[in-house]
PDB file of N, CA and C in Angstrom:
ATOM      1  N   MET A   1      13.230   0.153 -33.274  1.00  0.00           N
ATOM      2  CA  MET A   1      12.762   1.524 -33.182  1.00  0.00           C
ATOM      3  C   MET A   1      13.742   2.370 -32.366  1.00  0.00           C
ATOM      4  N   GLY A   2      14.553   1.751 -31.502  1.00  0.00           N
ATOM      5  CA  GLY A   2      15.556   2.485 -30.753  1.00  0.00           C
ATOM      6  C   GLY A   2      15.047   3.233 -29.543  1.00  0.00           C
ATOM      7  N   LEU A   3      13.899   2.859 -28.999  1.00  0.00           N
ATOM      8  CA  LEU A   3      13.369   3.523 -27.816  1.00  0.00           C
ATOM      9  C   LEU A   3      14.007   2.962 -26.551  1.00  0.00           C
ATOM     10  N   LYS A   4      14.229   3.830 -25.591  1.00  0.00           N
ATOM     11  CA  LYS A   4      14.700   3.383 -24.287  1.00  0.00           C
ATOM     12  C   LYS A   4      13.488   2.824 -23.535  1.00  0.00           C
ATOM     13  N   VAL A   5      13.627   1.592 -23.047  1.00  0.00           N
ATOM     14  CA  VAL A   5      12.559   0.931 -22.292  1.00  0.00           C
ATOM     15  C   VAL A   5      13.032   0.775 -20.854  1.00  0.00           C
ATOM     16  N   ILE A   6      12.184   1.180 -19.911  1.00  0.00           N
ATOM     17  CA  ILE A   6      12.499   1.034 -18.496  1.00  0.00           C
ATOM     18  C   ILE A   6      11.461   0.091 -17.896  1.00  0.00           C
ATOM     19  N   TYR A   7      11.929  -1.090 -17.470  1.00  0.00           N
ATOM     20  CA  TYR A   7      11.035  -2.102 -16.917  1.00  0.00           C
ATOM     21  C   TYR A   7      11.855  -3.013 -16.006  1.00  0.00           C
ATOM     22  N   PRO A   8      11.423  -3.210 -14.763  1.00  0.00           N
ATOM     23  CA  PRO A   8      12.220  -4.015 -13.835  1.00  0.00           C
ATOM     24  C   PRO A   8      12.347  -5.477 -14.230  1.00  0.00           C
ATOM     25  N   GLY A   9      11.549  -5.944 -15.177  1.00  0.00           N
ATOM     26  CA  GLY A   9      11.635  -7.319 -15.641  1.00  0.00           C
ATOM     27  C   GLY A   9      12.730  -7.548 -16.672  1.00  0.00           C
ATOM     28  N   LEU A  10      13.380  -6.470 -17.112  1.00  0.00           N
ATOM     29  CA  LEU A  10      14.491  -6.592 -18.061  1.00  0.00           C
ATOM     30  C   LEU A  10      15.787  -6.787 -17.284  1.00  0.00           C
ATOM     31  N   LYS A  11      16.605  -7.720 -17.735  1.00  0.00           N
ATOM     32  CA  LYS A  11      17.847  -8.028 -17.008  1.00  0.00           C
ATOM     33  C   LYS A  11      18.807  -6.843 -16.934  1.00  0.00           C
ATOM     34  N   ASN A  12      18.688  -5.881 -17.863  1.00  0.00           N
ATOM     35  CA  ASN A  12      19.583  -4.722 -17.815  1.00  0.00           C
ATOM     36  C   ASN A  12      19.070  -3.617 -16.892  1.00  0.00           C
ATOM     37  N   HIS A  13      17.913  -3.810 -16.251  1.00  0.00           N
ATOM     38  CA  HIS A  13      17.402  -2.811 -15.304  1.00  0.00           C
ATOM     39  C   HIS A  13      18.270  -2.842 -14.049  1.00  0.00           C
ATOM     40  N   PRO A  14      18.652  -1.677 -13.495  1.00  0.00           N
ATOM     41  CA  PRO A  14      19.557  -1.650 -12.342  1.00  0.00           C
ATOM     42  C   PRO A  14      19.040  -2.402 -11.100  1.00  0.00           C
ATOM     43  N   GLN A  15      17.734  -2.514 -10.938  1.00  0.00           N
ATOM     44  CA  GLN A  15      17.195  -3.223  -9.776  1.00  0.00           C
ATOM     45  C   GLN A  15      16.576  -4.576 -10.145  1.00  0.00           C
ATOM     46  N   PHE A  16      16.931  -5.131 -11.292  1.00  0.00           N
ATOM     47  CA  PHE A  16      16.366  -6.415 -11.719  1.00  0.00           C
ATOM     48  C   PHE A  16      16.563  -7.493 -10.660  1.00  0.00           C
ATOM     49  N   GLU A  17      17.788  -7.671 -10.195  1.00  0.00           N
ATOM     50  CA  GLU A  17      18.082  -8.737  -9.229  1.00  0.00           C
ATOM     51  C   GLU A  17      17.321  -8.525  -7.927  1.00  0.00           C
ATOM     52  N   LEU A  18      17.305  -7.278  -7.435  1.00  0.00           N
ATOM     53  CA  LEU A  18      16.597  -6.976  -6.193  1.00  0.00           C
ATOM     54  C   LEU A  18      15.105  -7.271  -6.350  1.00  0.00           C
ATOM     55  N   HIS A  19      14.526  -6.803  -7.436  1.00  0.00           N
ATOM     56  CA  HIS A  19      13.101  -7.030  -7.670  1.00  0.00           C
ATOM     57  C   HIS A  19      12.813  -8.520  -7.815  1.00  0.00           C
ATOM     58  N   ASN A  20      13.683  -9.224  -8.496  1.00  0.00           N
ATOM     59  CA  ASN A  20      13.520 -10.663  -8.690  1.00  0.00           C
ATOM     60  C   ASN A  20      13.508 -11.402  -7.348  1.00  0.00           C
ATOM     61  N   LYS A  21      14.336 -10.951  -6.411  1.00  0.00           N
ATOM     62  CA  LYS A  21      14.390 -11.576  -5.087  1.00  0.00           C
ATOM     63  C   LYS A  21      13.146 -11.256  -4.261  1.00  0.00           C
ATOM     64  N   MET A  22      12.624 -10.035  -4.407  1.00  0.00           N
ATOM     65  CA  MET A  22      11.534  -9.568  -3.548  1.00  0.00           C
ATOM     66  C   MET A  22      10.134  -9.868  -4.083  1.00  0.00           C
ATOM     67  N   MET A  23       9.993 -10.050  -5.382  1.00  0.00           N
ATOM     68  CA  MET A  23       8.653 -10.153  -5.959  1.00  0.00           C
ATOM     69  C   MET A  23       7.980 -11.492  -5.644  1.00  0.00           C
ATOM     70  N   ASN A  24       6.677 -11.471  -5.707  1.00  0.00           N
ATOM     71  CA  ASN A  24       5.887 -12.687  -5.614  1.00  0.00           C
ATOM     72  C   ASN A  24       5.936 -13.329  -6.993  1.00  0.00           C
ATOM     73  N   LYS A  25       6.541 -14.502  -7.101  1.00  0.00           N
ATOM     74  CA  LYS A  25       6.751 -15.151  -8.403  1.00  0.00           C
ATOM     75  C   LYS A  25       5.434 -15.409  -9.145  1.00  0.00           C
ATOM     76  N   GLU A  26       4.332 -15.547  -8.413  1.00  0.00           N
ATOM     77  CA  GLU A  26       3.037 -15.778  -9.066  1.00  0.00           C
ATOM     78  C   GLU A  26       2.587 -14.571  -9.880  1.00  0.00           C
ATOM     79  N   TYR A  27       3.026 -13.370  -9.499  1.00  0.00           N
ATOM     80  CA  TYR A  27       2.574 -12.152 -10.170  1.00  0.00           C
ATOM     81  C   TYR A  27       3.595 -11.580 -11.146  1.00  0.00           C
ATOM     82  N   GLY A  28       4.809 -12.073 -11.131  1.00  0.00           N
ATOM     83  CA  GLY A  28       5.824 -11.591 -12.058  1.00  0.00           C
ATOM     84  C   GLY A  28       6.291 -10.184 -11.738  1.00  0.00           C
ATOM     85  N   PHE A  29       6.779  -9.502 -12.752  1.00  0.00           N
ATOM     86  CA  PHE A  29       7.394  -8.185 -12.565  1.00  0.00           C
ATOM     87  C   PHE A  29       6.398  -7.034 -12.589  1.00  0.00           C
ATOM     88  N   GLY A  30       5.159  -7.292 -12.896  1.00  0.00           N
ATOM     89  CA  GLY A  30       4.137  -6.248 -12.846  1.00  0.00           C
ATOM     90  C   GLY A  30       3.895  -5.573 -14.175  1.00  0.00           C
ATOM     91  N   GLY A  31       2.930  -4.685 -14.170  1.00  0.00           N
ATOM     92  CA  GLY A  31       2.469  -4.051 -15.394  1.00  0.00           C
ATOM     93  C   GLY A  31       2.869  -2.602 -15.549  1.00  0.00           C
ATOM     94  N   MET A  32       3.902  -2.153 -14.840  1.00  0.00           N
ATOM     95  CA  MET A  32       4.373  -0.768 -14.977  1.00  0.00           C
ATOM     96  C   MET A  32       5.652  -0.766 -15.805  1.00  0.00           C
ATOM     97  N   LEU A  33       5.669   0.062 -16.844  1.00  0.00           N
ATOM     98  CA  LEU A  33       6.868   0.225 -17.643  1.00  0.00           C
ATOM     99  C   LEU A  33       6.903   1.641 -18.180  1.00  0.00           C
ATOM    100  N   ALA A  34       8.037   2.027 -18.730  1.00  0.00           N
ATOM    101  CA  ALA A  34       8.177   3.371 -19.298  1.00  0.00           C
ATOM    102  C   ALA A  34       8.936   3.286 -20.619  1.00  0.00           C
ATOM    103  N   LEU A  35       8.539   4.129 -21.564  1.00  0.00           N
ATOM    104  CA  LEU A  35       9.230   4.269 -22.841  1.00  0.00           C
ATOM    105  C   LEU A  35       9.631   5.726 -22.990  1.00  0.00           C
ATOM    106  N   ASP A  36      10.835   5.959 -23.469  1.00  0.00           N
ATOM    107  CA  ASP A  36      11.324   7.330 -23.631  1.00  0.00           C
ATOM    108  C   ASP A  36      11.228   7.741 -25.095  1.00  0.00           C
ATOM    109  N   PHE A  37      10.311   8.662 -25.386  1.00  0.00           N
ATOM    110  CA  PHE A  37      10.105   9.182 -26.738  1.00  0.00           C
ATOM    111  C   PHE A  37      10.899  10.469 -26.981  1.00  0.00           C
ATOM    112  N   LYS A  38      11.803  10.780 -26.086  1.00  0.00           N
ATOM    113  CA  LYS A  38      12.763  11.896 -26.163  1.00  0.00           C
ATOM    114  C   LYS A  38      12.163  13.288 -25.940  1.00  0.00           C
ATOM    115  N   THR A  39      11.042  13.605 -26.579  1.00  0.00           N
ATOM    116  CA  THR A  39      10.462  14.949 -26.419  1.00  0.00           C
ATOM    117  C   THR A  39       9.001  14.844 -25.994  1.00  0.00           C
ATOM    118  N   MET A  40       8.525  15.898 -25.359  1.00  0.00           N
ATOM    119  CA  MET A  40       7.132  15.965 -24.952  1.00  0.00           C
ATOM    120  C   MET A  40       6.219  15.882 -26.175  1.00  0.00           C
ATOM    121  N   GLU A  41       6.628  16.524 -27.260  1.00  0.00           N
ATOM    122  CA  GLU A  41       5.812  16.529 -28.478  1.00  0.00           C
ATOM    123  C   GLU A  41       5.645  15.106 -29.016  1.00  0.00           C
ATOM    124  N   ASN A  42       6.744  14.352 -29.103  1.00  0.00           N
ATOM    125  CA  ASN A  42       6.676  12.957 -29.553  1.00  0.00           C
ATOM    126  C   ASN A  42       5.773  12.139 -28.632  1.00  0.00           C
ATOM    127  N   ALA A  43       5.959  12.330 -27.330  1.00  0.00           N
ATOM    128  CA  ALA A  43       5.193  11.566 -26.347  1.00  0.00           C
ATOM    129  C   ALA A  43       3.698  11.800 -26.527  1.00  0.00           C
ATOM    130  N   TYR A  44       3.304  13.061 -26.692  1.00  0.00           N
ATOM    131  CA  TYR A  44       1.881  13.362 -26.813  1.00  0.00           C
ATOM    132  C   TYR A  44       1.289  12.876 -28.129  1.00  0.00           C
ATOM    133  N   VAL A  45       2.053  12.900 -29.203  1.00  0.00           N
ATOM    134  CA  VAL A  45       1.569  12.362 -30.478  1.00  0.00           C
ATOM    135  C   VAL A  45       1.296  10.869 -30.324  1.00  0.00           C
ATOM    136  N   ILE A  46       2.244  10.136 -29.732  1.00  0.00           N
ATOM    137  CA  ILE A  46       2.089   8.689 -29.553  1.00  0.00           C
ATOM    138  C   ILE A  46       0.933   8.382 -28.600  1.00  0.00           C
ATOM    139  N   MET A  47       0.853   9.108 -27.478  1.00  0.00           N
ATOM    140  CA  MET A  47      -0.228   8.841 -26.523  1.00  0.00           C
ATOM    141  C   MET A  47      -1.593   9.111 -27.149  1.00  0.00           C
ATOM    142  N   GLN A  48      -1.697  10.162 -27.945  1.00  0.00           N
ATOM    143  CA  GLN A  48      -2.962  10.465 -28.621  1.00  0.00           C
ATOM    144  C   GLN A  48      -3.329   9.350 -29.601  1.00  0.00           C
ATOM    145  N   LYS A  49      -2.342   8.866 -30.358  1.00  0.00           N
ATOM    146  CA  LYS A  49      -2.589   7.764 -31.302  1.00  0.00           C
ATOM    147  C   LYS A  49      -3.038   6.509 -30.558  1.00  0.00           C
ATOM    148  N   MET A  50      -2.403   6.229 -29.416  1.00  0.00           N
ATOM    149  CA  MET A  50      -2.774   5.037 -28.651  1.00  0.00           C
ATOM    150  C   MET A  50      -4.188   5.169 -28.089  1.00  0.00           C
ATOM    151  N   GLN A  51      -4.548   6.364 -27.664  1.00  0.00           N
ATOM    152  CA  GLN A  51      -5.906   6.579 -27.165  1.00  0.00           C
ATOM    153  C   GLN A  51      -6.916   6.386 -28.299  1.00  0.00           C
ATOM    154  N   GLU A  52      -6.622   6.933 -29.477  1.00  0.00           N
ATOM    155  CA  GLU A  52      -7.512   6.781 -30.630  1.00  0.00           C
ATOM    156  C   GLU A  52      -7.607   5.336 -31.089  1.00  0.00           C
ATOM    157  N   ALA A  53      -6.538   4.544 -30.885  1.00  0.00           N
ATOM    158  CA  ALA A  53      -6.540   3.130 -31.255  1.00  0.00           C
ATOM    159  C   ALA A  53      -7.166   2.258 -30.161  1.00  0.00           C
ATOM    160  N   ASP A  54      -7.703   2.887 -29.126  1.00  0.00           N
ATOM    161  CA  ASP A  54      -8.357   2.209 -28.010  1.00  0.00           C
ATOM    162  C   ASP A  54      -7.421   1.297 -27.225  1.00  0.00           C
ATOM    163  N   VAL A  55      -6.125   1.664 -27.186  1.00  0.00           N
ATOM    164  CA  VAL A  55      -5.158   0.941 -26.363  1.00  0.00           C
ATOM    165  C   VAL A  55      -5.424   1.251 -24.894  1.00  0.00           C
ATOM    166  N   GLY A  56      -5.750   2.494 -24.594  1.00  0.00           N
ATOM    167  CA  GLY A  56      -5.976   2.936 -23.227  1.00  0.00           C
ATOM    168  C   GLY A  56      -6.253   4.422 -23.237  1.00  0.00           C
ATOM    169  N   TYR A  57      -5.972   5.078 -22.103  1.00  0.00           N
ATOM    170  CA  TYR A  57      -6.298   6.487 -21.951  1.00  0.00           C
ATOM    171  C   TYR A  57      -5.099   7.297 -21.484  1.00  0.00           C
ATOM    172  N   LEU A  58      -4.989   8.509 -21.993  1.00  0.00           N
ATOM    173  CA  LEU A  58      -4.023   9.485 -21.504  1.00  0.00           C
ATOM    174  C   LEU A  58      -4.527   9.935 -20.138  1.00  0.00           C
ATOM    175  N   ALA A  59      -3.678   9.828 -19.115  1.00  0.00           N
ATOM    176  CA  ALA A  59      -4.130  10.100 -17.753  1.00  0.00           C
ATOM    177  C   ALA A  59      -2.998  10.656 -16.906  1.00  0.00           C
ATOM    178  N   VAL A  60      -3.347  11.222 -15.767  1.00  0.00           N
ATOM    179  CA  VAL A  60      -2.348  11.667 -14.788  1.00  0.00           C
ATOM    180  C   VAL A  60      -2.148  10.560 -13.764  1.00  0.00           C
ATOM    181  N   SER A  61      -3.231  10.010 -13.256  1.00  0.00           N
ATOM    182  CA  SER A  61      -3.165   8.895 -12.320  1.00  0.00           C
ATOM    183  C   SER A  61      -3.041   7.602 -13.111  1.00  0.00           C
ATOM    184  N   LEU A  62      -2.310   6.636 -12.609  1.00  0.00           N
ATOM    185  CA  LEU A  62      -2.137   5.380 -13.323  1.00  0.00           C
ATOM    186  C   LEU A  62      -2.852   4.227 -12.625  1.00  0.00           C
ATOM    187  N   GLY A  63      -3.947   4.512 -11.941  1.00  0.00           N
ATOM    188  CA  GLY A  63      -4.704   3.469 -11.264  1.00  0.00           C
ATOM    189  C   GLY A  63      -6.078   3.299 -11.871  1.00  0.00           C
ATOM    190  N   TYR A  64      -6.255   2.276 -12.724  1.00  0.00           N
ATOM    191  CA  TYR A  64      -7.528   2.013 -13.388  1.00  0.00           C
ATOM    192  C   TYR A  64      -7.442   0.619 -13.985  1.00  0.00           C
ATOM    193  N   PHE A  65      -8.567   0.019 -14.326  1.00  0.00           N
ATOM    194  CA  PHE A  65      -8.529  -1.339 -14.877  1.00  0.00           C
ATOM    195  C   PHE A  65      -8.085  -1.372 -16.330  1.00  0.00           C
ATOM    196  N   LYS A  66      -8.181  -0.250 -17.028  1.00  0.00           N
ATOM    197  CA  LYS A  66      -7.769  -0.172 -18.428  1.00  0.00           C
ATOM    198  C   LYS A  66      -6.350   0.396 -18.474  1.00  0.00           C
ATOM    199  N   THR A  67      -5.614   0.098 -19.527  1.00  0.00           N
ATOM    200  CA  THR A  67      -4.261   0.620 -19.679  1.00  0.00           C
ATOM    201  C   THR A  67      -4.289   2.149 -19.683  1.00  0.00           C
ATOM    202  N   LEU A  68      -3.374   2.738 -18.934  1.00  0.00           N
ATOM    203  CA  LEU A  68      -3.245   4.193 -18.859  1.00  0.00           C
ATOM    204  C   LEU A  68      -1.806   4.566 -19.174  1.00  0.00           C
ATOM    205  N   PHE A  69      -1.594   5.780 -19.688  1.00  0.00           N
ATOM    206  CA  PHE A  69      -0.253   6.258 -19.959  1.00  0.00           C
ATOM    207  C   PHE A  69      -0.171   7.728 -19.607  1.00  0.00           C
ATOM    208  N   SER A  70       1.030   8.142 -19.196  1.00  0.00           N
ATOM    209  CA  SER A  70       1.237   9.497 -18.697  1.00  0.00           C
ATOM    210  C   SER A  70       2.643   9.970 -19.021  1.00  0.00           C
ATOM    211  N   CYS A  71       2.753  11.216 -19.445  1.00  0.00           N
ATOM    212  CA  CYS A  71       4.052  11.842 -19.677  1.00  0.00           C
ATOM    213  C   CYS A  71       4.477  12.486 -18.351  1.00  0.00           C
ATOM    214  N   SER A  72       5.264  11.761 -17.588  1.00  0.00           N
ATOM    215  CA  SER A  72       5.565  12.108 -16.196  1.00  0.00           C
ATOM    216  C   SER A  72       6.121  13.505 -15.976  1.00  0.00           C
ATOM    217  N   GLY A  73       7.046  13.920 -16.809  1.00  0.00           N
ATOM    218  CA  GLY A  73       7.670  15.229 -16.621  1.00  0.00           C
ATOM    219  C   GLY A  73       6.710  16.391 -16.760  1.00  0.00           C
ATOM    220  N   HIS A  74       5.562  16.126 -17.377  1.00  0.00           N
ATOM    221  CA  HIS A  74       4.586  17.199 -17.600  1.00  0.00           C
ATOM    222  C   HIS A  74       3.283  16.926 -16.882  1.00  0.00           C
ATOM    223  N   SER A  75       3.302  15.956 -15.960  1.00  0.00           N
ATOM    224  CA  SER A  75       2.098  15.685 -15.172  1.00  0.00           C
ATOM    225  C   SER A  75       2.498  15.444 -13.724  1.00  0.00           C
ATOM    226  N   THR A  76       2.651  14.188 -13.345  1.00  0.00           N
ATOM    227  CA  THR A  76       2.895  13.867 -11.937  1.00  0.00           C
ATOM    228  C   THR A  76       4.206  14.423 -11.391  1.00  0.00           C
ATOM    229  N   SER A  77       5.212  14.617 -12.234  1.00  0.00           N
ATOM    230  CA  SER A  77       6.506  15.133 -11.777  1.00  0.00           C
ATOM    231  C   SER A  77       6.755  16.563 -12.235  1.00  0.00           C
ATOM    232  N   SER A  78       5.706  17.249 -12.675  1.00  0.00           N
ATOM    233  CA  SER A  78       5.879  18.598 -13.224  1.00  0.00           C
ATOM    234  C   SER A  78       6.346  19.615 -12.181  1.00  0.00           C
ATOM    235  N   GLU A  79       6.143  19.310 -10.905  1.00  0.00           N
ATOM    236  CA  GLU A  79       6.593  20.234  -9.858  1.00  0.00           C
ATOM    237  C   GLU A  79       8.099  20.157  -9.620  1.00  0.00           C
ATOM    238  N   ILE A  80       8.738  19.147 -10.179  1.00  0.00           N
ATOM    239  CA  ILE A  80      10.191  18.998 -10.040  1.00  0.00           C
ATOM    240  C   ILE A  80      10.861  19.923 -11.054  1.00  0.00           C
ATOM    241  N   PRO A  81      11.756  20.800 -10.612  1.00  0.00           N
ATOM    242  CA  PRO A  81      12.418  21.712 -11.547  1.00  0.00           C
ATOM    243  C   PRO A  81      13.094  20.966 -12.692  1.00  0.00           C
ATOM    244  N   ILE A  82      13.097  21.557 -13.879  1.00  0.00           N
ATOM    245  CA  ILE A  82      13.651  20.943 -15.086  1.00  0.00           C
ATOM    246  C   ILE A  82      15.092  20.475 -14.865  1.00  0.00           C
ATOM    247  N   GLU A  83      15.913  21.286 -14.179  1.00  0.00           N
ATOM    248  CA  GLU A  83      17.311  20.912 -13.946  1.00  0.00           C
ATOM    249  C   GLU A  83      17.405  19.617 -13.136  1.00  0.00           C
ATOM    250  N   VAL A  84      16.520  19.478 -12.140  1.00  0.00           N
ATOM    251  CA  VAL A  84      16.513  18.281 -11.296  1.00  0.00           C
ATOM    252  C   VAL A  84      16.006  17.085 -12.108  1.00  0.00           C
ATOM    253  N   GLN A  85      14.984  17.304 -12.953  1.00  0.00           N
ATOM    254  CA  GLN A  85      14.490  16.230 -13.814  1.00  0.00           C
ATOM    255  C   GLN A  85      15.618  15.702 -14.696  1.00  0.00           C
ATOM    256  N   LYS A  86      16.404  16.620 -15.276  1.00  0.00           N
ATOM    257  CA  LYS A  86      17.522  16.220 -16.130  1.00  0.00           C
ATOM    258  C   LYS A  86      18.544  15.418 -15.336  1.00  0.00           C
ATOM    259  N   LYS A  87      18.860  15.905 -14.124  1.00  0.00           N
ATOM    260  CA  LYS A  87      19.855  15.259 -13.274  1.00  0.00           C
ATOM    261  C   LYS A  87      19.430  13.835 -12.900  1.00  0.00           C
ATOM    262  N   MET A  88      18.127  13.637 -12.667  1.00  0.00           N
ATOM    263  CA  MET A  88      17.636  12.315 -12.271  1.00  0.00           C
ATOM    264  C   MET A  88      17.311  11.433 -13.477  1.00  0.00           C
ATOM    265  N   GLY A  89      17.512  11.964 -14.695  1.00  0.00           N
ATOM    266  CA  GLY A  89      17.303  11.168 -15.906  1.00  0.00           C
ATOM    267  C   GLY A  89      15.870  11.116 -16.389  1.00  0.00           C
ATOM    268  N   LEU A  90      15.035  12.063 -15.938  1.00  0.00           N
ATOM    269  CA  LEU A  90      13.636  12.108 -16.364  1.00  0.00           C
ATOM    270  C   LEU A  90      13.539  12.888 -17.668  1.00  0.00           C
ATOM    271  N   SER A  91      13.463  12.167 -18.763  1.00  0.00           N
ATOM    272  CA  SER A  91      13.385  12.774 -20.093  1.00  0.00           C
ATOM    273  C   SER A  91      12.023  13.449 -20.285  1.00  0.00           C
ATOM    274  N   PRO A  92      11.969  14.556 -21.028  1.00  0.00           N
ATOM    275  CA  PRO A  92      10.678  15.210 -21.271  1.00  0.00           C
ATOM    276  C   PRO A  92       9.719  14.333 -22.079  1.00  0.00           C
ATOM    277  N   GLY A  93      10.228  13.301 -22.741  1.00  0.00           N
ATOM    278  CA  GLY A  93       9.382  12.413 -23.531  1.00  0.00           C
ATOM    279  C   GLY A  93       9.127  11.064 -22.877  1.00  0.00           C
ATOM    280  N   LEU A  94       9.435  10.931 -21.580  1.00  0.00           N
ATOM    281  CA  LEU A  94       9.237   9.664 -20.887  1.00  0.00           C
ATOM    282  C   LEU A  94       7.752   9.430 -20.637  1.00  0.00           C
ATOM    283  N   VAL A  95       7.242   8.313 -21.130  1.00  0.00           N
ATOM    284  CA  VAL A  95       5.842   7.950 -20.939  1.00  0.00           C
ATOM    285  C   VAL A  95       5.779   6.696 -20.077  1.00  0.00           C
ATOM    286  N   ARG A  96       5.060   6.800 -18.954  1.00  0.00           N
ATOM    287  CA  ARG A  96       4.858   5.642 -18.084  1.00  0.00           C
ATOM    288  C   ARG A  96       3.547   4.967 -18.471  1.00  0.00           C
ATOM    289  N   PHE A  97       3.562   3.649 -18.491  1.00  0.00           N
ATOM    290  CA  PHE A  97       2.385   2.850 -18.805  1.00  0.00           C
ATOM    291  C   PHE A  97       1.983   2.042 -17.584  1.00  0.00           C
ATOM    292  N   SER A  98       0.717   1.986 -17.316  1.00  0.00           N
ATOM    293  CA  SER A  98       0.162   1.049 -16.357  1.00  0.00           C
ATOM    294  C   SER A  98      -0.711   0.118 -17.180  1.00  0.00           C
ATOM    295  N   VAL A  99      -0.198  -1.089 -17.444  1.00  0.00           N
ATOM    296  CA  VAL A  99      -0.902  -2.029 -18.313  1.00  0.00           C
ATOM    297  C   VAL A  99      -2.108  -2.577 -17.574  1.00  0.00           C
ATOM    298  N   GLY A 100      -3.265  -2.402 -18.164  1.00  0.00           N
ATOM    299  CA  GLY A 100      -4.512  -2.807 -17.525  1.00  0.00           C
ATOM    300  C   GLY A 100      -4.925  -4.222 -17.856  1.00  0.00           C
ATOM    301  N   LEU A 101      -6.119  -4.575 -17.425  1.00  0.00           N
ATOM    302  CA  LEU A 101      -6.680  -5.883 -17.739  1.00  0.00           C
ATOM    303  C   LEU A 101      -6.944  -5.923 -19.233  1.00  0.00           C
ATOM    304  N   ASP A 102      -6.586  -6.998 -19.856  1.00  0.00           N
ATOM    305  CA  ASP A 102      -6.656  -7.070 -21.304  1.00  0.00           C
ATOM    306  C   ASP A 102      -7.070  -8.470 -21.724  1.00  0.00           C
ATOM    307  N   ASN A 103      -8.056  -8.553 -22.595  1.00  0.00           N
ATOM    308  CA  ASN A 103      -8.487  -9.864 -23.077  1.00  0.00           C
ATOM    309  C   ASN A 103      -7.518 -10.454 -24.091  1.00  0.00           C
ATOM    310  N   ASP A 104      -6.783  -9.585 -24.804  1.00  0.00           N
ATOM    311  CA  ASP A 104      -5.866 -10.061 -25.839  1.00  0.00           C
ATOM    312  C   ASP A 104      -4.642  -9.146 -25.879  1.00  0.00           C
ATOM    313  N   ILE A 105      -3.646  -9.457 -25.056  1.00  0.00           N
ATOM    314  CA  ILE A 105      -2.461  -8.604 -24.939  1.00  0.00           C
ATOM    315  C   ILE A 105      -1.687  -8.541 -26.245  1.00  0.00           C
ATOM    316  N   GLU A 106      -1.720  -9.613 -27.038  1.00  0.00           N
ATOM    317  CA  GLU A 106      -1.033  -9.597 -28.339  1.00  0.00           C
ATOM    318  C   GLU A 106      -1.668  -8.571 -29.272  1.00  0.00           C
ATOM    319  N   GLU A 107      -2.993  -8.520 -29.279  1.00  0.00           N
ATOM    320  CA  GLU A 107      -3.711  -7.546 -30.108  1.00  0.00           C
ATOM    321  C   GLU A 107      -3.371  -6.123 -29.659  1.00  0.00           C
ATOM    322  N   THR A 108      -3.318  -5.916 -28.348  1.00  0.00           N
ATOM    323  CA  THR A 108      -2.966  -4.596 -27.817  1.00  0.00           C
ATOM    324  C   THR A 108      -1.548  -4.226 -28.188  1.00  0.00           C
ATOM    325  N   LEU A 109      -0.617  -5.171 -28.089  1.00  0.00           N
ATOM    326  CA  LEU A 109       0.772  -4.906 -28.468  1.00  0.00           C
ATOM    327  C   LEU A 109       0.856  -4.514 -29.932  1.00  0.00           C
ATOM    328  N   GLU A 110       0.127  -5.192 -30.794  1.00  0.00           N
ATOM    329  CA  GLU A 110       0.120  -4.848 -32.215  1.00  0.00           C
ATOM    330  C   GLU A 110      -0.455  -3.455 -32.441  1.00  0.00           C
ATOM    331  N   ALA A 111      -1.476  -3.085 -31.672  1.00  0.00           N
ATOM    332  CA  ALA A 111      -2.050  -1.736 -31.783  1.00  0.00           C
ATOM    333  C   ALA A 111      -1.023  -0.684 -31.365  1.00  0.00           C
ATOM    334  N   ILE A 112      -0.278  -0.966 -30.306  1.00  0.00           N
ATOM    335  CA  ILE A 112       0.762  -0.028 -29.847  1.00  0.00           C
ATOM    336  C   ILE A 112       1.839   0.106 -30.906  1.00  0.00           C
ATOM    337  N   LYS A 113       2.277  -1.030 -31.471  1.00  0.00           N
ATOM    338  CA  LYS A 113       3.289  -0.989 -32.528  1.00  0.00           C
ATOM    339  C   LYS A 113       2.786  -0.160 -33.708  1.00  0.00           C
ATOM    340  N   GLY A 114       1.513  -0.304 -34.047  1.00  0.00           N
ATOM    341  CA  GLY A 114       0.943   0.481 -35.140  1.00  0.00           C
ATOM    342  C   GLY A 114       0.981   1.974 -34.842  1.00  0.00           C
ATOM    343  N   CYS A 115       0.811   2.347 -33.596  1.00  0.00           N
ATOM    344  CA  CYS A 115       0.874   3.762 -33.209  1.00  0.00           C
ATOM    345  C   CYS A 115       2.297   4.294 -33.273  1.00  0.00           C
ATOM    346  N   LEU A 116       3.275   3.429 -33.019  1.00  0.00           N
ATOM    347  CA  LEU A 116       4.672   3.855 -33.054  1.00  0.00           C
ATOM    348  C   LEU A 116       5.123   4.098 -34.481  1.00  0.00           C
TER     349      LEU A 116
END
């Protein structure tokens, strides 16, 4: 699909080694990741589809037992000027995910793929 994925558990992440040294091995790299859909419009279409597919909820806060997703540049980081967002690499279509408790992560992954 060609999406940019940001996740500290990927070896190409700039802080992979640091996180690997510091993390509790029992818990792994955690459930926070981000996908870059390039534009706010793309991000909202995908997030709406995921909400309708019962993957999780479109939210501003990412603290809940169910999977949540947020378009950071237009929610939690919206107070940061656009020029600064660009400079720091915050794409207008960047969606952060907080993966929640899930009885069947494979089923959820397939639902997300279907939304993409």
